[in-house]
Amino acid sequence: MVRAKGVWGEGASQARPSLAWPRSKIVDTVKLGYVQQDRFAKDDERIVWECISGGAETILLGSREVNTRAYVARFNFSGTDQQKQIKILSGGERNRVHLARA
């Protein structure tokens, strides 16, 4: 999975096709990140909430302090879904966990 992150209008959407060409120039405001396919190998036994929150009750989002259970719920993991082990999640659910950790 490759993620392109950049300022609106600076070409993040256009970066994906150019990844096949190593000599392509991408504007300075676009950042590329690579995610390994085995990214959860060491976290398979942990639960979703713990994997995302690190066990903390609150996290900082910008300058706001947010309850971690509410933050995890923003990624469509509510109630008992937050107690699922990583090893039983589907690929899409694992991707949402990864995005929440980013």
N, C-alpha and C. Protein backbone atom coordinates (compact mmCIF):
# COMPACT_ATOMS: atom_id res chain seq x y z
N MET A 1 0.85 -1.15 0.00
CA MET A 1 0.00 0.00 0.00
C MET A 1 0.91 1.23 0.00
N VAL A 2 0.57 2.18 -0.81
CA VAL A 2 1.31 3.43 -0.88
C VAL A 2 0.36 4.56 -0.56
N ARG A 3 0.81 5.49 0.26
CA ARG A 3 -0.02 6.63 0.65
C ARG A 3 0.66 7.90 0.17
N ALA A 4 -0.09 8.75 -0.51
CA ALA A 4 0.43 10.06 -0.93
C ALA A 4 -0.28 11.11 -0.09
N LYS A 5 0.49 11.96 0.52
CA LYS A 5 -0.07 12.99 1.39
C LYS A 5 0.49 14.34 0.96
N GLY A 6 -0.38 15.30 0.78
CA GLY A 6 0.09 16.62 0.37
C GLY A 6 -0.98 17.67 0.50
N VAL A 7 -0.59 18.89 0.29
CA VAL A 7 -1.50 20.02 0.33
C VAL A 7 -2.47 19.92 -0.83
N TRP A 8 -3.74 20.29 -0.62
CA TRP A 8 -4.75 20.22 -1.66
C TRP A 8 -4.28 21.01 -2.87
N GLY A 9 -4.37 20.38 -4.03
CA GLY A 9 -3.99 21.04 -5.27
C GLY A 9 -2.52 20.94 -5.63
N GLU A 10 -1.74 20.23 -4.84
CA GLU A 10 -0.30 20.16 -5.08
C GLU A 10 0.14 18.87 -5.78
N GLY A 11 -0.80 18.02 -6.18
CA GLY A 11 -0.44 16.88 -7.00
C GLY A 11 -0.34 15.54 -6.31
N ALA A 12 -0.87 15.38 -5.10
CA ALA A 12 -0.80 14.09 -4.42
C ALA A 12 -1.53 13.02 -5.22
N SER A 13 -2.66 13.35 -5.82
CA SER A 13 -3.41 12.38 -6.61
C SER A 13 -2.65 11.99 -7.88
N GLN A 14 -1.88 12.89 -8.41
CA GLN A 14 -1.13 12.61 -9.63
C GLN A 14 0.16 11.85 -9.36
N ALA A 15 0.55 11.72 -8.10
CA ALA A 15 1.81 11.06 -7.77
C ALA A 15 1.76 9.57 -8.02
N ARG A 16 0.62 8.94 -7.81
CA ARG A 16 0.51 7.49 -7.94
C ARG A 16 0.96 6.97 -9.31
N PRO A 17 0.46 7.52 -10.42
CA PRO A 17 0.92 7.00 -11.71
C PRO A 17 2.42 7.17 -11.93
N SER A 18 3.00 8.19 -11.34
CA SER A 18 4.42 8.44 -11.57
C SER A 18 5.32 7.55 -10.73
N LEU A 19 4.76 6.77 -9.82
CA LEU A 19 5.59 5.90 -8.99
C LEU A 19 6.30 4.82 -9.81
N ALA A 20 5.74 4.50 -10.95
CA ALA A 20 6.36 3.49 -11.81
C ALA A 20 7.62 4.02 -12.49
N TRP A 21 7.77 5.31 -12.50
CA TRP A 21 8.93 5.93 -13.17
C TRP A 21 9.81 6.59 -12.12
N PRO A 22 10.95 5.96 -11.76
CA PRO A 22 11.81 6.51 -10.71
C PRO A 22 12.32 7.92 -10.97
N ARG A 23 12.38 8.32 -12.22
CA ARG A 23 12.92 9.64 -12.52
C ARG A 23 11.87 10.73 -12.51
N SER A 24 10.62 10.37 -12.26
CA SER A 24 9.55 11.38 -12.24
C SER A 24 9.72 12.30 -11.05
N LYS A 25 9.44 13.57 -11.28
CA LYS A 25 9.53 14.55 -10.20
C LYS A 25 8.17 14.72 -9.56
N ILE A 26 8.14 14.69 -8.25
CA ILE A 26 6.93 14.95 -7.48
C ILE A 26 7.18 16.23 -6.70
N VAL A 27 6.19 17.10 -6.66
CA VAL A 27 6.38 18.40 -6.00
C VAL A 27 6.83 18.21 -4.55
N ASP A 28 7.51 19.21 -4.02
CA ASP A 28 8.10 19.13 -2.69
C ASP A 28 7.07 18.98 -1.57
N THR A 29 5.83 19.41 -1.80
CA THR A 29 4.84 19.35 -0.72
C THR A 29 4.13 18.02 -0.62
N VAL A 30 4.43 17.06 -1.52
CA VAL A 30 3.81 15.74 -1.49
C VAL A 30 4.77 14.77 -0.83
N LYS A 31 4.29 14.05 0.19
CA LYS A 31 5.11 13.05 0.88
C LYS A 31 4.57 11.67 0.54
N LEU A 32 5.48 10.76 0.25
CA LEU A 32 5.09 9.38 -0.05
C LEU A 32 5.51 8.48 1.09
N GLY A 33 4.68 7.52 1.41
CA GLY A 33 5.01 6.54 2.43
C GLY A 33 4.71 5.15 1.94
N TYR A 34 5.49 4.18 2.36
CA TYR A 34 5.30 2.79 1.97
C TYR A 34 4.95 1.98 3.21
N VAL A 35 3.98 1.09 3.06
CA VAL A 35 3.56 0.24 4.16
C VAL A 35 3.85 -1.21 3.81
N GLN A 36 4.60 -1.89 4.63
CA GLN A 36 4.91 -3.29 4.37
C GLN A 36 3.67 -4.15 4.59
N GLN A 37 3.58 -5.24 3.85
CA GLN A 37 2.42 -6.12 3.96
C GLN A 37 2.38 -6.86 5.29
N ASP A 38 3.50 -7.07 5.93
CA ASP A 38 3.52 -7.77 7.21
C ASP A 38 3.51 -6.80 8.39
N ARG A 39 2.92 -5.65 8.21
CA ARG A 39 2.98 -4.57 9.20
C ARG A 39 2.37 -4.91 10.55
N PHE A 40 1.52 -5.95 10.64
CA PHE A 40 0.90 -6.29 11.91
C PHE A 40 1.42 -7.60 12.49
N ALA A 41 2.48 -8.15 11.95
CA ALA A 41 2.96 -9.46 12.39
C ALA A 41 3.20 -9.50 13.90
N LYS A 42 3.79 -8.49 14.45
CA LYS A 42 4.08 -8.50 15.90
C LYS A 42 2.86 -8.11 16.73
N ASP A 43 1.81 -7.56 16.11
CA ASP A 43 0.63 -7.10 16.84
C ASP A 43 -0.56 -8.05 16.75
N ASP A 44 -0.38 -9.23 16.17
CA ASP A 44 -1.50 -10.13 15.91
C ASP A 44 -2.31 -10.48 17.16
N GLU A 45 -1.71 -10.57 18.30
CA GLU A 45 -2.42 -10.96 19.53
C GLU A 45 -3.09 -9.78 20.22
N ARG A 46 -2.73 -8.57 19.86
CA ARG A 46 -3.30 -7.38 20.51
C ARG A 46 -4.70 -7.12 19.99
N ILE A 47 -5.47 -6.34 20.75
CA ILE A 47 -6.81 -5.95 20.30
C ILE A 47 -6.73 -4.63 19.55
N VAL A 48 -7.76 -4.32 18.79
CA VAL A 48 -7.79 -3.13 17.94
C VAL A 48 -7.52 -1.87 18.77
N TRP A 49 -8.26 -1.68 19.86
CA TRP A 49 -8.10 -0.45 20.66
C TRP A 49 -6.67 -0.30 21.16
N GLU A 50 -6.09 -1.37 21.67
CA GLU A 50 -4.73 -1.31 22.21
C GLU A 50 -3.71 -1.04 21.11
N CYS A 51 -3.91 -1.63 19.95
CA CYS A 51 -2.98 -1.44 18.83
C CYS A 51 -2.97 0.01 18.37
N ILE A 52 -4.14 0.64 18.33
CA ILE A 52 -4.23 2.02 17.87
C ILE A 52 -3.82 3.00 18.97
N SER A 53 -4.28 2.77 20.18
CA SER A 53 -4.07 3.75 21.26
C SER A 53 -2.77 3.55 22.03
N GLY A 54 -2.19 2.36 21.93
CA GLY A 54 -1.01 2.07 22.73
C GLY A 54 -1.34 1.91 24.20
N GLY A 55 -2.63 1.77 24.51
CA GLY A 55 -3.07 1.61 25.89
C GLY A 55 -3.40 2.91 26.59
N ALA A 56 -3.19 4.03 25.93
CA ALA A 56 -3.47 5.35 26.54
C ALA A 56 -4.97 5.64 26.50
N GLU A 57 -5.44 6.38 27.47
CA GLU A 57 -6.86 6.75 27.52
C GLU A 57 -7.17 7.95 26.63
N THR A 58 -6.19 8.82 26.42
CA THR A 58 -6.38 10.00 25.57
C THR A 58 -5.18 10.15 24.64
N ILE A 59 -5.42 10.81 23.50
CA ILE A 59 -4.34 11.14 22.57
C ILE A 59 -4.51 12.59 22.13
N LEU A 60 -3.45 13.17 21.63
CA LEU A 60 -3.50 14.54 21.12
C LEU A 60 -3.73 14.52 19.63
N LEU A 61 -4.77 15.20 19.17
CA LEU A 61 -5.02 15.41 17.74
C LEU A 61 -4.86 16.89 17.50
N GLY A 62 -3.72 17.26 16.97
CA GLY A 62 -3.41 18.68 16.85
C GLY A 62 -3.21 19.23 18.25
N SER A 63 -4.06 20.17 18.66
CA SER A 63 -3.97 20.72 20.00
C SER A 63 -5.10 20.22 20.91
N ARG A 64 -5.95 19.32 20.37
CA ARG A 64 -7.08 18.80 21.15
C ARG A 64 -6.75 17.44 21.75
N GLU A 65 -7.19 17.24 22.97
CA GLU A 65 -7.06 15.95 23.62
C GLU A 65 -8.35 15.17 23.39
N VAL A 66 -8.23 13.95 22.86
CA VAL A 66 -9.39 13.15 22.47
C VAL A 66 -9.34 11.80 23.18
N ASN A 67 -10.48 11.31 23.64
CA ASN A 67 -10.58 9.99 24.22
C ASN A 67 -10.24 8.96 23.13
N THR A 68 -9.38 8.00 23.46
CA THR A 68 -8.93 7.06 22.44
C THR A 68 -10.04 6.14 21.95
N ARG A 69 -10.98 5.79 22.80
CA ARG A 69 -12.09 4.94 22.35
C ARG A 69 -12.96 5.69 21.33
N ALA A 70 -13.15 6.98 21.53
CA ALA A 70 -13.89 7.79 20.57
C ALA A 70 -13.11 7.93 19.26
N TYR A 71 -11.79 8.08 19.37
CA TYR A 71 -10.95 8.17 18.18
C TYR A 71 -11.02 6.87 17.37
N VAL A 72 -10.92 5.73 18.03
CA VAL A 72 -10.99 4.43 17.35
C VAL A 72 -12.36 4.27 16.69
N ALA A 73 -13.41 4.75 17.33
CA ALA A 73 -14.77 4.67 16.77
C ALA A 73 -14.88 5.47 15.48
N ARG A 74 -14.08 6.51 15.31
CA ARG A 74 -14.09 7.30 14.07
C ARG A 74 -13.66 6.47 12.86
N PHE A 75 -12.97 5.37 13.12
CA PHE A 75 -12.54 4.48 12.04
C PHE A 75 -13.46 3.27 11.93
N ASN A 76 -14.68 3.44 12.41
CA ASN A 76 -15.75 2.44 12.32
C ASN A 76 -15.47 1.19 13.15
N PHE A 77 -14.76 1.36 14.26
CA PHE A 77 -14.57 0.28 15.23
C PHE A 77 -15.29 0.72 16.50
N SER A 78 -16.54 0.30 16.65
CA SER A 78 -17.28 0.70 17.84
C SER A 78 -17.66 -0.52 18.65
N GLY A 79 -17.90 -0.30 19.93
CA GLY A 79 -18.34 -1.38 20.81
C GLY A 79 -17.38 -2.55 20.82
N THR A 80 -17.92 -3.75 20.57
CA THR A 80 -17.11 -4.97 20.65
C THR A 80 -16.07 -5.07 19.55
N ASP A 81 -16.23 -4.31 18.47
CA ASP A 81 -15.21 -4.33 17.40
C ASP A 81 -13.86 -3.86 17.92
N GLN A 82 -13.86 -2.98 18.92
CA GLN A 82 -12.60 -2.50 19.48
C GLN A 82 -11.89 -3.58 20.28
N GLN A 83 -12.59 -4.65 20.62
CA GLN A 83 -12.00 -5.73 21.41
C GLN A 83 -11.54 -6.91 20.54
N LYS A 84 -11.72 -6.80 19.22
CA LYS A 84 -11.27 -7.88 18.33
C LYS A 84 -9.75 -7.93 18.28
N GLN A 85 -9.22 -9.14 18.17
CA GLN A 85 -7.78 -9.29 18.00
C GLN A 85 -7.43 -8.97 16.55
N ILE A 86 -6.25 -8.41 16.35
CA ILE A 86 -5.79 -8.03 15.02
C ILE A 86 -5.77 -9.24 14.09
N LYS A 87 -5.42 -10.40 14.61
CA LYS A 87 -5.27 -11.59 13.75
C LYS A 87 -6.57 -12.05 13.12
N ILE A 88 -7.74 -11.62 13.63
CA ILE A 88 -9.01 -12.07 13.03
C ILE A 88 -9.64 -11.01 12.13
N LEU A 89 -8.98 -9.87 11.95
CA LEU A 89 -9.53 -8.80 11.13
C LEU A 89 -9.38 -9.11 9.64
N SER A 90 -10.31 -8.58 8.85
CA SER A 90 -10.20 -8.68 7.40
C SER A 90 -9.11 -7.72 6.92
N GLY A 91 -8.78 -7.81 5.65
CA GLY A 91 -7.76 -6.90 5.09
C GLY A 91 -8.17 -5.45 5.17
N GLY A 92 -9.45 -5.16 4.89
CA GLY A 92 -9.94 -3.79 4.97
C GLY A 92 -9.91 -3.24 6.38
N GLU A 93 -10.26 -4.09 7.34
CA GLU A 93 -10.21 -3.67 8.75
C GLU A 93 -8.78 -3.41 9.18
N ARG A 94 -7.86 -4.25 8.74
CA ARG A 94 -6.44 -4.03 9.06
C ARG A 94 -5.96 -2.70 8.46
N ASN A 95 -6.42 -2.39 7.25
CA ASN A 95 -6.03 -1.12 6.64
C ASN A 95 -6.55 0.06 7.45
N ARG A 96 -7.78 -0.04 7.97
CA ARG A 96 -8.32 1.04 8.81
C ARG A 96 -7.53 1.19 10.09
N VAL A 97 -7.11 0.07 10.68
CA VAL A 97 -6.24 0.15 11.89
C VAL A 97 -4.96 0.87 11.55
N HIS A 98 -4.38 0.52 10.42
CA HIS A 98 -3.12 1.17 10.03
C HIS A 98 -3.30 2.67 9.81
N LEU A 99 -4.38 3.05 9.15
CA LEU A 99 -4.64 4.48 8.94
C LEU A 99 -4.84 5.21 10.26
N ALA A 100 -5.51 4.56 11.20
CA ALA A 100 -5.72 5.19 12.52
C ALA A 100 -4.41 5.38 13.27
N ARG A 101 -3.45 4.51 13.01
CA ARG A 101 -2.15 4.61 13.68
C ARG A 101 -1.24 5.65 13.05
N ALA A 102 -1.53 6.03 11.80
CA ALA A 102 -0.65 6.95 11.08
C ALA A 102 -0.68 8.35 11.64
